[in-house]
Amino acid sequence: MQDSVDQGLTEEHVRRLPMVEYSDMFTEAEKAAIVFCQKVARDHSSVGDEDYARLHKSFSEKEIVELCMLVAQFVGVGRILATLDAWEPVCEIA
Protein backbone atom coordinates (compact mmCIF):
# COMPACT_ATOMS: atom_id res chain seq x y z
CA MET A 1 0.00 0.00 0.00
CA GLN A 2 2.77 2.44 0.87
CA ASP A 3 4.25 2.01 -2.62
CA SER A 4 0.95 3.19 -4.09
CA VAL A 5 0.86 6.22 -1.80
CA ASP A 6 4.47 6.98 -2.67
CA GLN A 7 3.50 6.87 -6.36
CA GLY A 8 0.67 9.38 -5.85
CA LEU A 9 -2.42 7.39 -4.81
CA THR A 10 -4.75 9.55 -2.73
CA GLU A 11 -8.07 9.07 -0.95
CA GLU A 12 -9.66 11.10 -3.75
CA HIS A 13 -8.48 8.52 -6.29
CA VAL A 14 -10.14 5.77 -4.26
CA ARG A 15 -13.38 7.79 -3.96
CA ARG A 16 -13.49 8.24 -7.72
CA LEU A 17 -13.09 4.55 -8.58
CA PRO A 18 -16.84 3.94 -9.00
CA MET A 19 -16.93 6.68 -11.66
CA VAL A 20 -13.51 6.00 -13.17
CA GLU A 21 -14.68 6.35 -16.78
CA TYR A 22 -15.83 9.92 -16.16
CA SER A 23 -12.93 11.07 -13.99
CA ASP A 24 -10.03 13.14 -15.25
CA MET A 25 -7.85 11.85 -12.40
CA PHE A 26 -6.92 8.67 -14.26
CA THR A 27 -4.94 8.06 -17.43
CA GLU A 28 -6.47 6.02 -20.24
CA ALA A 29 -4.20 3.11 -19.26
CA GLU A 30 -5.37 3.32 -15.64
CA LYS A 31 -9.01 3.49 -16.74
CA ALA A 32 -8.61 0.41 -18.95
CA ALA A 33 -6.98 -1.57 -16.13
CA ILE A 34 -9.45 -0.46 -13.46
CA VAL A 35 -12.53 -1.17 -15.59
CA PHE A 36 -11.12 -4.58 -16.54
CA CYS A 37 -10.46 -5.46 -12.90
CA GLN A 38 -13.91 -4.25 -11.84
CA LYS A 39 -15.54 -6.43 -14.50
CA VAL A 40 -13.53 -9.49 -13.49
CA ALA A 41 -14.44 -8.96 -9.84
CA ARG A 42 -18.14 -8.29 -10.42
CA ASP A 43 -19.05 -10.39 -13.45
CA HIS A 44 -16.18 -12.11 -15.23
CA SER A 45 -18.49 -13.19 -18.06
CA SER A 46 -18.90 -9.52 -19.01
CA VAL A 47 -15.22 -9.30 -20.04
CA GLY A 48 -14.94 -9.38 -23.81
CA ASP A 49 -12.61 -8.85 -26.72
CA GLU A 50 -13.13 -5.09 -26.51
CA ASP A 51 -11.73 -5.08 -22.97
CA TYR A 52 -8.57 -6.86 -24.09
CA ALA A 53 -8.27 -4.58 -27.13
CA ARG A 54 -8.47 -1.59 -24.81
CA LEU A 55 -5.78 -3.04 -22.55
CA HIS A 56 -3.53 -3.74 -25.55
CA LYS A 57 -3.53 -0.02 -26.39
CA SER A 58 -1.53 0.66 -23.21
CA PHE A 59 -0.03 -2.61 -22.05
CA SER A 60 2.15 -5.39 -23.42
CA GLU A 61 0.96 -8.99 -23.48
CA LYS A 62 3.19 -9.72 -20.50
CA GLU A 63 1.70 -6.82 -18.51
CA ILE A 64 -1.84 -7.95 -19.32
CA VAL A 65 -1.08 -11.48 -18.14
CA GLU A 66 0.38 -10.05 -14.94
CA LEU A 67 -2.74 -7.89 -14.43
CA CYS A 68 -4.95 -10.96 -14.95
CA MET A 69 -2.96 -12.96 -12.41
CA LEU A 70 -3.07 -10.15 -9.84
CA VAL A 71 -6.81 -9.54 -10.17
CA ALA A 72 -7.47 -13.29 -9.93
CA GLN A 73 -5.32 -13.49 -6.82
CA PHE A 74 -6.94 -10.50 -5.09
CA VAL A 75 -10.50 -11.48 -5.98
CA GLY A 76 -9.87 -15.07 -4.91
CA VAL A 77 -8.31 -14.12 -1.58
CA GLY A 78 -11.12 -11.63 -0.94
CA ARG A 79 -13.77 -14.27 -1.55
CA ILE A 80 -12.03 -16.80 0.69
CA LEU A 81 -11.73 -14.20 3.47
CA ALA A 82 -15.43 -13.45 3.07
CA THR A 83 -16.32 -17.13 3.52
CA LEU A 84 -14.23 -17.17 6.68
CA ASP A 85 -15.78 -13.92 7.89
CA ALA A 86 -12.18 -12.81 8.36
CA TRP A 87 -12.61 -9.05 8.17
CA GLU A 88 -11.09 -8.19 11.52
CA PRO A 89 -7.31 -8.49 11.65
CA VAL A 90 -6.02 -11.05 14.13
CA CYS A 91 -2.70 -9.28 14.41
CA GLU A 92 -1.16 -6.16 12.95
CA ILE A 93 1.37 -6.55 10.21
CA ALA A 94 4.37 -4.38 10.91
PDB file of N, CA and C in Angstrom:
ATOM      1  N   MET A   1       0.822  -1.192   0.000  1.00  0.00           N
ATOM      2  CA  MET A   1       0.000   0.000   0.000  1.00  0.00           C
ATOM      3  C   MET A   1       0.864   1.253   0.000  1.00  0.00           C
ATOM      4  N   GLN A   2       1.926   1.254   0.788  1.00  0.00           N
ATOM      5  CA  GLN A   2       2.775   2.436   0.872  1.00  0.00           C
ATOM      6  C   GLN A   2       3.377   2.781  -0.482  1.00  0.00           C
ATOM      7  N   ASP A   3       3.719   1.756  -1.274  1.00  0.00           N
ATOM      8  CA  ASP A   3       4.250   2.013  -2.619  1.00  0.00           C
ATOM      9  C   ASP A   3       3.251   2.822  -3.443  1.00  0.00           C
ATOM     10  N   SER A   4       1.980   2.478  -3.335  1.00  0.00           N
ATOM     11  CA  SER A   4       0.946   3.189  -4.086  1.00  0.00           C
ATOM     12  C   SER A   4       0.844   4.643  -3.638  1.00  0.00           C
ATOM     13  N   VAL A   5       0.905   4.860  -2.341  1.00  0.00           N
ATOM     14  CA  VAL A   5       0.860   6.223  -1.802  1.00  0.00           C
ATOM     15  C   VAL A   5       2.092   6.998  -2.259  1.00  0.00           C
ATOM     16  N   ASP A   6       3.232   6.345  -2.217  1.00  0.00           N
ATOM     17  CA  ASP A   6       4.474   6.983  -2.666  1.00  0.00           C
ATOM     18  C   ASP A   6       4.416   7.358  -4.144  1.00  0.00           C
ATOM     19  N   GLN A   7       3.635   6.607  -4.920  1.00  0.00           N
ATOM     20  CA  GLN A   7       3.496   6.867  -6.357  1.00  0.00           C
ATOM     21  C   GLN A   7       2.343   7.822  -6.671  1.00  0.00           C
ATOM     22  N   GLY A   8       1.682   8.347  -5.631  1.00  0.00           N
ATOM     23  CA  GLY A   8       0.668   9.379  -5.848  1.00  0.00           C
ATOM     24  C   GLY A   8      -0.772   8.996  -5.579  1.00  0.00           C
ATOM     25  N   LEU A   9      -1.043   7.777  -5.113  1.00  0.00           N
ATOM     26  CA  LEU A   9      -2.419   7.391  -4.806  1.00  0.00           C
ATOM     27  C   LEU A   9      -2.943   8.204  -3.633  1.00  0.00           C
ATOM     28  N   THR A  10      -4.138   8.758  -3.797  1.00  0.00           N
ATOM     29  CA  THR A  10      -4.753   9.552  -2.730  1.00  0.00           C
ATOM     30  C   THR A  10      -6.134   8.987  -2.403  1.00  0.00           C
ATOM     31  N   GLU A  11      -6.711   9.466  -1.312  1.00  0.00           N
ATOM     32  CA  GLU A  11      -8.073   9.072  -0.954  1.00  0.00           C
ATOM     33  C   GLU A  11      -9.054   9.502  -2.036  1.00  0.00           C
ATOM     34  N   GLU A  12      -8.779  10.624  -2.679  1.00  0.00           N
ATOM     35  CA  GLU A  12      -9.658  11.104  -3.751  1.00  0.00           C
ATOM     36  C   GLU A  12      -9.665  10.126  -4.921  1.00  0.00           C
ATOM     37  N   HIS A  13      -8.526   9.536  -5.247  1.00  0.00           N
ATOM     38  CA  HIS A  13      -8.478   8.516  -6.294  1.00  0.00           C
ATOM     39  C   HIS A  13      -9.410   7.357  -5.934  1.00  0.00           C
ATOM     40  N   VAL A  14      -9.325   6.906  -4.707  1.00  0.00           N
ATOM     41  CA  VAL A  14     -10.141   5.774  -4.261  1.00  0.00           C
ATOM     42  C   VAL A  14     -11.622   6.141  -4.322  1.00  0.00           C
ATOM     43  N   ARG A  15     -11.974   7.357  -3.910  1.00  0.00           N
ATOM     44  CA  ARG A  15     -13.376   7.793  -3.956  1.00  0.00           C
ATOM     45  C   ARG A  15     -13.905   7.840  -5.386  1.00  0.00           C
ATOM     46  N   ARG A  16     -13.043   8.107  -6.333  1.00  0.00           N
ATOM     47  CA  ARG A  16     -13.489   8.239  -7.724  1.00  0.00           C
ATOM     48  C   ARG A  16     -13.513   6.910  -8.496  1.00  0.00           C
ATOM     49  N   LEU A  17     -13.098   5.829  -7.882  1.00  0.00           N
ATOM     50  CA  LEU A  17     -13.088   4.545  -8.577  1.00  0.00           C
ATOM     51  C   LEU A  17     -14.448   4.141  -9.145  1.00  0.00           C
ATOM     52  N   PRO A  18     -15.547   4.342  -8.426  1.00  0.00           N
ATOM     53  CA  PRO A  18     -16.840   3.938  -9.004  1.00  0.00           C
ATOM     54  C   PRO A  18     -17.202   4.693 -10.286  1.00  0.00           C
ATOM     55  N   MET A  19     -16.631   5.877 -10.469  1.00  0.00           N
ATOM     56  CA  MET A  19     -16.925   6.676 -11.663  1.00  0.00           C
ATOM     57  C   MET A  19     -15.663   6.894 -12.497  1.00  0.00           C
ATOM     58  N   VAL A  20     -14.813   5.887 -12.532  1.00  0.00           N
ATOM     59  CA  VAL A  20     -13.509   6.002 -13.174  1.00  0.00           C
ATOM     60  C   VAL A  20     -13.603   6.466 -14.620  1.00  0.00           C
ATOM     61  N   GLU A  21     -14.573   5.994 -15.361  1.00  0.00           N
ATOM     62  CA  GLU A  21     -14.683   6.346 -16.785  1.00  0.00           C
ATOM     63  C   GLU A  21     -14.910   7.840 -16.998  1.00  0.00           C
ATOM     64  N   TYR A  22     -15.475   8.514 -16.023  1.00  0.00           N
ATOM     65  CA  TYR A  22     -15.830   9.916 -16.163  1.00  0.00           C
ATOM     66  C   TYR A  22     -14.889  10.847 -15.401  1.00  0.00           C
ATOM     67  N   SER A  23     -13.853  10.288 -14.801  1.00  0.00           N
ATOM     68  CA  SER A  23     -12.929  11.074 -13.992  1.00  0.00           C
ATOM     69  C   SER A  23     -11.703  11.472 -14.806  1.00  0.00           C
ATOM     70  N   ASP A  24     -11.240  12.683 -14.591  1.00  0.00           N
ATOM     71  CA  ASP A  24     -10.025  13.139 -15.249  1.00  0.00           C
ATOM     72  C   ASP A  24      -8.780  12.868 -14.388  1.00  0.00           C
ATOM     73  N   MET A  25      -8.975  12.164 -13.285  1.00  0.00           N
ATOM     74  CA  MET A  25      -7.850  11.854 -12.397  1.00  0.00           C
ATOM     75  C   MET A  25      -7.033  10.657 -12.879  1.00  0.00           C
ATOM     76  N   PHE A  26      -7.567   9.893 -13.826  1.00  0.00           N
ATOM     77  CA  PHE A  26      -6.924   8.665 -14.262  1.00  0.00           C
ATOM     78  C   PHE A  26      -6.505   8.771 -15.724  1.00  0.00           C
ATOM     79  N   THR A  27      -5.378   8.147 -16.041  1.00  0.00           N
ATOM     80  CA  THR A  27      -4.942   8.062 -17.432  1.00  0.00           C
ATOM     81  C   THR A  27      -5.808   7.037 -18.156  1.00  0.00           C
ATOM     82  N   GLU A  28      -5.718   7.024 -19.473  1.00  0.00           N
ATOM     83  CA  GLU A  28      -6.465   6.025 -20.243  1.00  0.00           C
ATOM     84  C   GLU A  28      -6.013   4.613 -19.881  1.00  0.00           C
ATOM     85  N   ALA A  29      -4.713   4.428 -19.654  1.00  0.00           N
ATOM     86  CA  ALA A  29      -4.201   3.114 -19.261  1.00  0.00           C
ATOM     87  C   ALA A  29      -4.785   2.692 -17.916  1.00  0.00           C
ATOM     88  N   GLU A  30      -4.810   3.625 -16.962  1.00  0.00           N
ATOM     89  CA  GLU A  30      -5.372   3.316 -15.644  1.00  0.00           C
ATOM     90  C   GLU A  30      -6.858   2.987 -15.746  1.00  0.00           C
ATOM     91  N   LYS A  31      -7.575   3.752 -16.560  1.00  0.00           N
ATOM     92  CA  LYS A  31      -9.008   3.487 -16.742  1.00  0.00           C
ATOM     93  C   LYS A  31      -9.230   2.094 -17.320  1.00  0.00           C
ATOM     94  N   ALA A  32      -8.452   1.729 -18.327  1.00  0.00           N
ATOM     95  CA  ALA A  32      -8.610   0.407 -18.945  1.00  0.00           C
ATOM     96  C   ALA A  32      -8.362  -0.695 -17.923  1.00  0.00           C
ATOM     97  N   ALA A  33      -7.308  -0.555 -17.121  1.00  0.00           N
ATOM     98  CA  ALA A  33      -6.978  -1.574 -16.126  1.00  0.00           C
ATOM     99  C   ALA A  33      -8.024  -1.638 -15.021  1.00  0.00           C
ATOM    100  N   ILE A  34      -8.467  -0.492 -14.544  1.00  0.00           N
ATOM    101  CA  ILE A  34      -9.454  -0.460 -13.456  1.00  0.00           C
ATOM    102  C   ILE A  34     -10.786  -1.049 -13.913  1.00  0.00           C
ATOM    103  N   VAL A  35     -11.255  -0.647 -15.080  1.00  0.00           N
ATOM    104  CA  VAL A  35     -12.527  -1.168 -15.594  1.00  0.00           C
ATOM    105  C   VAL A  35     -12.434  -2.677 -15.795  1.00  0.00           C
ATOM    106  N   PHE A  36     -11.320  -3.140 -16.350  1.00  0.00           N
ATOM    107  CA  PHE A  36     -11.122  -4.576 -16.543  1.00  0.00           C
ATOM    108  C   PHE A  36     -11.201  -5.304 -15.200  1.00  0.00           C
ATOM    109  N   CYS A  37     -10.471  -4.809 -14.215  1.00  0.00           N
ATOM    110  CA  CYS A  37     -10.463  -5.463 -12.900  1.00  0.00           C
ATOM    111  C   CYS A  37     -11.841  -5.435 -12.245  1.00  0.00           C
ATOM    112  N   GLN A  38     -12.560  -4.330 -12.388  1.00  0.00           N
ATOM    113  CA  GLN A  38     -13.910  -4.253 -11.837  1.00  0.00           C
ATOM    114  C   GLN A  38     -14.822  -5.286 -12.493  1.00  0.00           C
ATOM    115  N   LYS A  39     -14.716  -5.442 -13.799  1.00  0.00           N
ATOM    116  CA  LYS A  39     -15.539  -6.427 -14.504  1.00  0.00           C
ATOM    117  C   LYS A  39     -15.211  -7.843 -14.052  1.00  0.00           C
ATOM    118  N   VAL A  40     -13.924  -8.152 -13.932  1.00  0.00           N
ATOM    119  CA  VAL A  40     -13.528  -9.491 -13.492  1.00  0.00           C
ATOM    120  C   VAL A  40     -14.072  -9.755 -12.094  1.00  0.00           C
ATOM    121  N   ALA A  41     -13.990  -8.778 -11.220  1.00  0.00           N
ATOM    122  CA  ALA A  41     -14.439  -8.958  -9.838  1.00  0.00           C
ATOM    123  C   ALA A  41     -15.956  -9.074  -9.731  1.00  0.00           C
ATOM    124  N   ARG A  42     -16.690  -8.314 -10.536  1.00  0.00           N
ATOM    125  CA  ARG A  42     -18.144  -8.285 -10.422  1.00  0.00           C
ATOM    126  C   ARG A  42     -18.852  -9.332 -11.276  1.00  0.00           C
ATOM    127  N   ASP A  43     -18.395  -9.473 -12.520  1.00  0.00           N
ATOM    128  CA  ASP A  43     -19.047 -10.393 -13.453  1.00  0.00           C
ATOM    129  C   ASP A  43     -18.052 -10.750 -14.547  1.00  0.00           C
ATOM    130  N   HIS A  44     -17.260 -11.765 -14.300  1.00  0.00           N
ATOM    131  CA  HIS A  44     -16.185 -12.115 -15.231  1.00  0.00           C
ATOM    132  C   HIS A  44     -16.703 -12.435 -16.630  1.00  0.00           C
ATOM    133  N   SER A  45     -17.950 -12.866 -16.732  1.00  0.00           N
ATOM    134  CA  SER A  45     -18.493 -13.191 -18.056  1.00  0.00           C
ATOM    135  C   SER A  45     -18.764 -11.934 -18.887  1.00  0.00           C
ATOM    136  N   SER A  46     -18.695 -10.767 -18.268  1.00  0.00           N
ATOM    137  CA  SER A  46     -18.900  -9.517 -19.010  1.00  0.00           C
ATOM    138  C   SER A  46     -17.613  -9.036 -19.693  1.00  0.00           C
ATOM    139  N   VAL A  47     -16.487  -9.667 -19.399  1.00  0.00           N
ATOM    140  CA  VAL A  47     -15.219  -9.301 -20.037  1.00  0.00           C
ATOM    141  C   VAL A  47     -15.224  -9.844 -21.464  1.00  0.00           C
ATOM    142  N   GLY A  48     -14.926  -8.968 -22.412  1.00  0.00           N
ATOM    143  CA  GLY A  48     -14.942  -9.383 -23.808  1.00  0.00           C
ATOM    144  C   GLY A  48     -13.714  -8.921 -24.571  1.00  0.00           C
ATOM    145  N   ASP A  49     -13.738  -9.202 -25.859  1.00  0.00           N
ATOM    146  CA  ASP A  49     -12.614  -8.846 -26.722  1.00  0.00           C
ATOM    147  C   ASP A  49     -12.306  -7.352 -26.670  1.00  0.00           C
ATOM    148  N   GLU A  50     -13.342  -6.537 -26.550  1.00  0.00           N
ATOM    149  CA  GLU A  50     -13.127  -5.087 -26.515  1.00  0.00           C
ATOM    150  C   GLU A  50     -12.331  -4.662 -25.284  1.00  0.00           C
ATOM    151  N   ASP A  51     -12.499  -5.388 -24.182  1.00  0.00           N
ATOM    152  CA  ASP A  51     -11.728  -5.077 -22.971  1.00  0.00           C
ATOM    153  C   ASP A  51     -10.249  -5.377 -23.182  1.00  0.00           C
ATOM    154  N   TYR A  52      -9.971  -6.516 -23.817  1.00  0.00           N
ATOM    155  CA  TYR A  52      -8.572  -6.859 -24.088  1.00  0.00           C
ATOM    156  C   TYR A  52      -7.974  -5.928 -25.138  1.00  0.00           C
ATOM    157  N   ALA A  53      -8.763  -5.529 -26.123  1.00  0.00           N
ATOM    158  CA  ALA A  53      -8.267  -4.583 -27.132  1.00  0.00           C
ATOM    159  C   ALA A  53      -7.913  -3.255 -26.466  1.00  0.00           C
ATOM    160  N   ARG A  54      -8.743  -2.835 -25.529  1.00  0.00           N
ATOM    161  CA  ARG A  54      -8.472  -1.587 -24.808  1.00  0.00           C
ATOM    162  C   ARG A  54      -7.190  -1.714 -23.989  1.00  0.00           C
ATOM    163  N   LEU A  55      -7.005  -2.837 -23.326  1.00  0.00           N
ATOM    164  CA  LEU A  55      -5.776  -3.043 -22.554  1.00  0.00           C
ATOM    165  C   LEU A  55      -4.546  -3.037 -23.457  1.00  0.00           C
ATOM    166  N   HIS A  56      -4.670  -3.659 -24.629  1.00  0.00           N
ATOM    167  CA  HIS A  56      -3.527  -3.738 -25.550  1.00  0.00           C
ATOM    168  C   HIS A  56      -3.080  -2.373 -26.061  1.00  0.00           C
ATOM    169  N   LYS A  57      -3.913  -1.369 -25.978  1.00  0.00           N
ATOM    170  CA  LYS A  57      -3.525  -0.019 -26.393  1.00  0.00           C
ATOM    171  C   LYS A  57      -2.473   0.573 -25.453  1.00  0.00           C
ATOM    172  N   SER A  58      -2.439   0.090 -24.217  1.00  0.00           N
ATOM    173  CA  SER A  58      -1.535   0.665 -23.213  1.00  0.00           C
ATOM    174  C   SER A  58      -0.548  -0.325 -22.610  1.00  0.00           C
ATOM    175  N   PHE A  59      -0.830  -1.618 -22.738  1.00  0.00           N
ATOM    176  CA  PHE A  59      -0.025  -2.614 -22.047  1.00  0.00           C
ATOM    177  C   PHE A  59       0.473  -3.692 -22.996  1.00  0.00           C
ATOM    178  N   SER A  60       1.618  -4.258 -22.655  1.00  0.00           N
ATOM    179  CA  SER A  60       2.152  -5.389 -23.415  1.00  0.00           C
ATOM    180  C   SER A  60       1.393  -6.656 -23.022  1.00  0.00           C
ATOM    181  N   GLU A  61       1.585  -7.701 -23.798  1.00  0.00           N
ATOM    182  CA  GLU A  61       0.957  -8.991 -23.482  1.00  0.00           C
ATOM    183  C   GLU A  61       1.386  -9.465 -22.095  1.00  0.00           C
ATOM    184  N   LYS A  62       2.662  -9.310 -21.804  1.00  0.00           N
ATOM    185  CA  LYS A  62       3.189  -9.723 -20.495  1.00  0.00           C
ATOM    186  C   LYS A  62       2.514  -8.934 -19.367  1.00  0.00           C
ATOM    187  N   GLU A  63       2.344  -7.634 -19.541  1.00  0.00           N
ATOM    188  CA  GLU A  63       1.699  -6.820 -18.512  1.00  0.00           C
ATOM    189  C   GLU A  63       0.231  -7.200 -18.329  1.00  0.00           C
ATOM    190  N   ILE A  64      -0.439  -7.543 -19.412  1.00  0.00           N
ATOM    191  CA  ILE A  64      -1.845  -7.951 -19.322  1.00  0.00           C
ATOM    192  C   ILE A  64      -1.970  -9.278 -18.579  1.00  0.00           C
ATOM    193  N   VAL A  65      -1.075 -10.206 -18.853  1.00  0.00           N
ATOM    194  CA  VAL A  65      -1.084 -11.485 -18.138  1.00  0.00           C
ATOM    195  C   VAL A  65      -0.840 -11.244 -16.647  1.00  0.00           C
ATOM    196  N   GLU A  66       0.098 -10.361 -16.339  1.00  0.00           N
ATOM    197  CA  GLU A  66       0.384 -10.047 -14.936  1.00  0.00           C
ATOM    198  C   GLU A  66      -0.837  -9.413 -14.266  1.00  0.00           C
ATOM    199  N   LEU A  67      -1.515  -8.498 -14.966  1.00  0.00           N
ATOM    200  CA  LEU A  67      -2.737  -7.890 -14.435  1.00  0.00           C
ATOM    201  C   LEU A  67      -3.796  -8.952 -14.171  1.00  0.00           C
ATOM    202  N   CYS A  68      -3.965  -9.873 -15.119  1.00  0.00           N
ATOM    203  CA  CYS A  68      -4.947 -10.956 -14.950  1.00  0.00           C
ATOM    204  C   CYS A  68      -4.625 -11.803 -13.724  1.00  0.00           C
ATOM    205  N   MET A  69      -3.361 -12.140 -13.549  1.00  0.00           N
ATOM    206  CA  MET A  69      -2.964 -12.960 -12.406  1.00  0.00           C
ATOM    207  C   MET A  69      -3.190 -12.218 -11.090  1.00  0.00           C
ATOM    208  N   LEU A  70      -2.885 -10.932 -11.064  1.00  0.00           N
ATOM    209  CA  LEU A  70      -3.073 -10.155  -9.839  1.00  0.00           C
ATOM    210  C   LEU A  70      -4.543 -10.006  -9.482  1.00  0.00           C
ATOM    211  N   VAL A  71      -5.386  -9.694 -10.470  1.00  0.00           N
ATOM    212  CA  VAL A  71      -6.810  -9.535 -10.166  1.00  0.00           C
ATOM    213  C   VAL A  71      -7.399 -10.871  -9.728  1.00  0.00           C
ATOM    214  N   ALA A  72      -6.980 -11.964 -10.344  1.00  0.00           N
ATOM    215  CA  ALA A  72      -7.471 -13.286  -9.935  1.00  0.00           C
ATOM    216  C   ALA A  72      -7.057 -13.582  -8.498  1.00  0.00           C
ATOM    217  N   GLN A  73      -5.827 -13.253  -8.167  1.00  0.00           N
ATOM    218  CA  GLN A  73      -5.323 -13.492  -6.815  1.00  0.00           C
ATOM    219  C   GLN A  73      -6.089 -12.654  -5.789  1.00  0.00           C
ATOM    220  N   PHE A  74      -6.261 -11.368  -6.059  1.00  0.00           N
ATOM    221  CA  PHE A  74      -6.940 -10.498  -5.091  1.00  0.00           C
ATOM    222  C   PHE A  74      -8.417 -10.838  -4.949  1.00  0.00           C
ATOM    223  N   VAL A  75      -9.085 -11.115  -6.049  1.00  0.00           N
ATOM    224  CA  VAL A  75     -10.502 -11.484  -5.982  1.00  0.00           C
ATOM    225  C   VAL A  75     -10.648 -12.809  -5.241  1.00  0.00           C
ATOM    226  N   GLY A  76      -9.798 -13.760  -5.567  1.00  0.00           N
ATOM    227  CA  GLY A  76      -9.869 -15.070  -4.911  1.00  0.00           C
ATOM    228  C   GLY A  76      -9.631 -14.986  -3.418  1.00  0.00           C
ATOM    229  N   VAL A  77      -8.612 -14.268  -3.018  1.00  0.00           N
ATOM    230  CA  VAL A  77      -8.314 -14.117  -1.584  1.00  0.00           C
ATOM    231  C   VAL A  77      -9.463 -13.389  -0.888  1.00  0.00           C
ATOM    232  N   GLY A  78      -9.993 -12.356  -1.534  1.00  0.00           N
ATOM    233  CA  GLY A  78     -11.122 -11.630  -0.944  1.00  0.00           C
ATOM    234  C   GLY A  78     -12.333 -12.513  -0.725  1.00  0.00           C
ATOM    235  N   ARG A  79     -12.602 -13.375  -1.677  1.00  0.00           N
ATOM    236  CA  ARG A  79     -13.768 -14.267  -1.547  1.00  0.00           C
ATOM    237  C   ARG A  79     -13.548 -15.318  -0.463  1.00  0.00           C
ATOM    238  N   ILE A  80     -12.334 -15.837  -0.374  1.00  0.00           N
ATOM    239  CA  ILE A  80     -12.032 -16.802   0.694  1.00  0.00           C
ATOM    240  C   ILE A  80     -12.157 -16.130   2.058  1.00  0.00           C
ATOM    241  N   LEU A  81     -11.605 -14.916   2.195  1.00  0.00           N
ATOM    242  CA  LEU A  81     -11.726 -14.205   3.469  1.00  0.00           C
ATOM    243  C   LEU A  81     -13.190 -13.942   3.817  1.00  0.00           C
ATOM    244  N   ALA A  82     -14.007 -13.666   2.812  1.00  0.00           N
ATOM    245  CA  ALA A  82     -15.434 -13.450   3.066  1.00  0.00           C
ATOM    246  C   ALA A  82     -16.091 -14.719   3.593  1.00  0.00           C
ATOM    247  N   THR A  83     -15.723 -15.880   3.036  1.00  0.00           N
ATOM    248  CA  THR A  83     -16.324 -17.128   3.520  1.00  0.00           C
ATOM    249  C   THR A  83     -15.903 -17.435   4.942  1.00  0.00           C
ATOM    250  N   LEU A  84     -14.727 -16.949   5.319  1.00  0.00           N
ATOM    251  CA  LEU A  84     -14.225 -17.166   6.676  1.00  0.00           C
ATOM    252  C   LEU A  84     -14.675 -16.076   7.636  1.00  0.00           C
ATOM    253  N   ASP A  85     -15.389 -15.089   7.098  1.00  0.00           N
ATOM    254  CA  ASP A  85     -15.782 -13.917   7.887  1.00  0.00           C
ATOM    255  C   ASP A  85     -14.564 -13.311   8.568  1.00  0.00           C
ATOM    256  N   ALA A  86     -13.467 -13.234   7.806  1.00  0.00           N
ATOM    257  CA  ALA A  86     -12.177 -12.806   8.357  1.00  0.00           C
ATOM    258  C   ALA A  86     -11.900 -11.342   8.033  1.00  0.00           C
ATOM    259  N   TRP A  87     -12.780 -10.481   8.479  1.00  0.00           N
ATOM    260  CA  TRP A  87     -12.608  -9.053   8.172  1.00  0.00           C
ATOM    261  C   TRP A  87     -11.856  -8.315   9.255  1.00  0.00           C
ATOM    262  N   GLU A  88     -11.825  -8.830  10.434  1.00  0.00           N
ATOM    263  CA  GLU A  88     -11.090  -8.191  11.518  1.00  0.00           C
ATOM    264  C   GLU A  88      -9.693  -8.789  11.592  1.00  0.00           C
ATOM    265  N   PRO A  89      -8.669  -7.946  11.591  1.00  0.00           N
ATOM    266  CA  PRO A  89      -7.305  -8.492  11.653  1.00  0.00           C
ATOM    267  C   PRO A  89      -7.041  -9.191  12.989  1.00  0.00           C
ATOM    268  N   VAL A  90      -6.379 -10.323  12.920  1.00  0.00           N
ATOM    269  CA  VAL A  90      -6.018 -11.054  14.126  1.00  0.00           C
ATOM    270  C   VAL A  90      -4.797 -10.409  14.759  1.00  0.00           C
ATOM    271  N   CYS A  91      -3.879  -9.976  13.912  1.00  0.00           N
ATOM    272  CA  CYS A  91      -2.698  -9.283  14.414  1.00  0.00           C
ATOM    273  C   CYS A  91      -2.294  -8.235  13.385  1.00  0.00           C
ATOM    274  N   GLU A  92      -1.611  -7.208  13.861  1.00  0.00           N
ATOM    275  CA  GLU A  92      -1.160  -6.160  12.953  1.00  0.00           C
ATOM    276  C   GLU A  92       0.084  -6.628  12.240  1.00  0.00           C
ATOM    277  N   ILE A  93       0.177  -6.250  10.969  1.00  0.00           N
ATOM    278  CA  ILE A  93       1.366  -6.551  10.209  1.00  0.00           C
ATOM    279  C   ILE A  93       2.268  -5.332  10.277  1.00  0.00           C
ATOM    280  N   ALA A  94       3.447  -5.527  10.754  1.00  0.00           N
ATOM    281  CA  ALA A  94       4.370  -4.384  10.913  1.00  0.00           C
ATOM    282  C   ALA A  94       5.295  -4.255   9.745  1.00  0.00           C
TER     283      ALA A  94
END
